[in-house]
Amino acid sequence: MPNRVMISRDSKPIPCEECGLPTLHVARLVSGDGTLLGQTMVCTACRRHRSETEPVGAP
């Protein structure tokens, strides 16, 4: 199973510096076997926008 990005249901979103929307969350990076790899910030609005406009592997 691949690594996953998991956003807690209790995460309180904050404004994103990129898009300005209150959709930035702290997320956990979890390996396929459930091991915590670390944490990162994830903007759910920016991620959705990028996946709609940029092909995979675009520079």
C-alpha atoms as a PDB file:
ATOM      1  CA  MET A   1       0.000   0.000   0.000  1.00  0.00           C
ATOM      2  CA  PRO A   2       1.395   3.476  -0.866  1.00  0.00           C
ATOM      3  CA  ASN A   3       2.092   6.290   1.569  1.00  0.00           C
ATOM      4  CA  ARG A   4      -0.929   8.416   2.506  1.00  0.00           C
ATOM      5  CA  VAL A   5      -1.625  11.980   3.611  1.00  0.00           C
ATOM      6  CA  MET A   6      -4.219  11.972   6.384  1.00  0.00           C
ATOM      7  CA  ILE A   7      -6.049  15.086   7.576  1.00  0.00           C
ATOM      8  CA  SER A   8      -7.589  14.781  11.028  1.00  0.00           C
ATOM      9  CA  ARG A   9     -11.314  15.423  11.260  1.00  0.00           C
ATOM     10  CA  ASP A  10     -10.497  17.659  14.242  1.00  0.00           C
ATOM     11  CA  SER A  11      -8.079  19.803  12.216  1.00  0.00           C
ATOM     12  CA  LYS A  12      -9.042  23.477  12.253  1.00  0.00           C
ATOM     13  CA  PRO A  13      -8.277  25.025   8.842  1.00  0.00           C
ATOM     14  CA  ILE A  14      -6.336  28.266   8.564  1.00  0.00           C
ATOM     15  CA  PRO A  15      -6.002  30.686   5.620  1.00  0.00           C
ATOM     16  CA  CYS A  16      -3.643  29.464   2.895  1.00  0.00           C
ATOM     17  CA  GLU A  17      -0.872  31.861   1.830  1.00  0.00           C
ATOM     18  CA  GLU A  18      -1.234  30.700  -1.783  1.00  0.00           C
ATOM     19  CA  CYS A  19      -4.999  30.906  -2.426  1.00  0.00           C
ATOM     20  CA  GLY A  20      -6.221  32.886   0.606  1.00  0.00           C
ATOM     21  CA  LEU A  21      -8.979  30.396   1.429  1.00  0.00           C
ATOM     22  CA  PRO A  22      -9.311  28.956   4.953  1.00  0.00           C
ATOM     23  CA  THR A  23      -8.458  25.451   3.715  1.00  0.00           C
ATOM     24  CA  LEU A  24      -4.922  24.821   5.028  1.00  0.00           C
ATOM     25  CA  HIS A  25      -4.655  21.823   7.392  1.00  0.00           C
ATOM     26  CA  VAL A  26      -1.929  20.015   9.299  1.00  0.00           C
ATOM     27  CA  ALA A  27      -1.777  16.482   7.873  1.00  0.00           C
ATOM     28  CA  ARG A  28       0.067  13.315   8.876  1.00  0.00           C
ATOM     29  CA  LEU A  29       2.205  11.397   6.392  1.00  0.00           C
ATOM     30  CA  VAL A  30       1.589   7.694   7.002  1.00  0.00           C
ATOM     31  CA  SER A  31       3.330   4.738   5.341  1.00  0.00           C
ATOM     32  CA  GLY A  32       1.426   1.793   3.907  1.00  0.00           C
ATOM     33  CA  ASP A  33       1.984  -0.203   7.114  1.00  0.00           C
ATOM     34  CA  GLY A  34       0.609   2.640   9.297  1.00  0.00           C
ATOM     35  CA  THR A  35       3.944   4.065  10.480  1.00  0.00           C
ATOM     36  CA  LEU A  36       3.926   7.844  11.007  1.00  0.00           C
ATOM     37  CA  LEU A  37       6.503   9.378   8.660  1.00  0.00           C
ATOM     38  CA  GLY A  38       5.978  13.021   9.591  1.00  0.00           C
ATOM     39  CA  GLN A  39       3.628  15.961   9.208  1.00  0.00           C
ATOM     40  CA  THR A  40       2.999  18.531   6.500  1.00  0.00           C
ATOM     41  CA  MET A  41       0.638  21.374   5.652  1.00  0.00           C
ATOM     42  CA  VAL A  42      -2.000  20.616   2.999  1.00  0.00           C
ATOM     43  CA  CYS A  43      -4.317  23.105   1.309  1.00  0.00           C
ATOM     44  CA  THR A  44      -7.328  21.174   0.091  1.00  0.00           C
ATOM     45  CA  ALA A  45      -8.353  23.965  -2.331  1.00  0.00           C
ATOM     46  CA  CYS A  46      -4.910  24.371  -3.945  1.00  0.00           C
ATOM     47  CA  ARG A  47      -4.401  20.607  -4.244  1.00  0.00           C
ATOM     48  CA  ARG A  48      -7.760  20.178  -5.977  1.00  0.00           C
ATOM     49  CA  HIS A  49      -7.032  23.112  -8.329  1.00  0.00           C
ATOM     50  CA  ARG A  50      -3.569  21.758  -9.260  1.00  0.00           C
ATOM     51  CA  SER A  51      -4.928  18.297 -10.009  1.00  0.00           C
ATOM     52  CA  GLU A  52      -7.505  19.794 -12.389  1.00  0.00           C
ATOM     53  CA  THR A  53      -5.050  22.003 -14.322  1.00  0.00           C
ATOM     54  CA  GLU A  54      -1.565  20.409 -14.308  1.00  0.00           C
ATOM     55  CA  PRO A  55      -0.696  17.081 -15.907  1.00  0.00           C
ATOM     56  CA  VAL A  56       1.405  14.696 -13.836  1.00  0.00           C
ATOM     57  CA  GLY A  57       5.123  15.345 -14.309  1.00  0.00           C
ATOM     58  CA  ALA A  58       4.626  18.965 -15.465  1.00  0.00           C
ATOM     59  CA  PRO A  59       7.608  21.204 -14.638  1.00  0.00           C
END
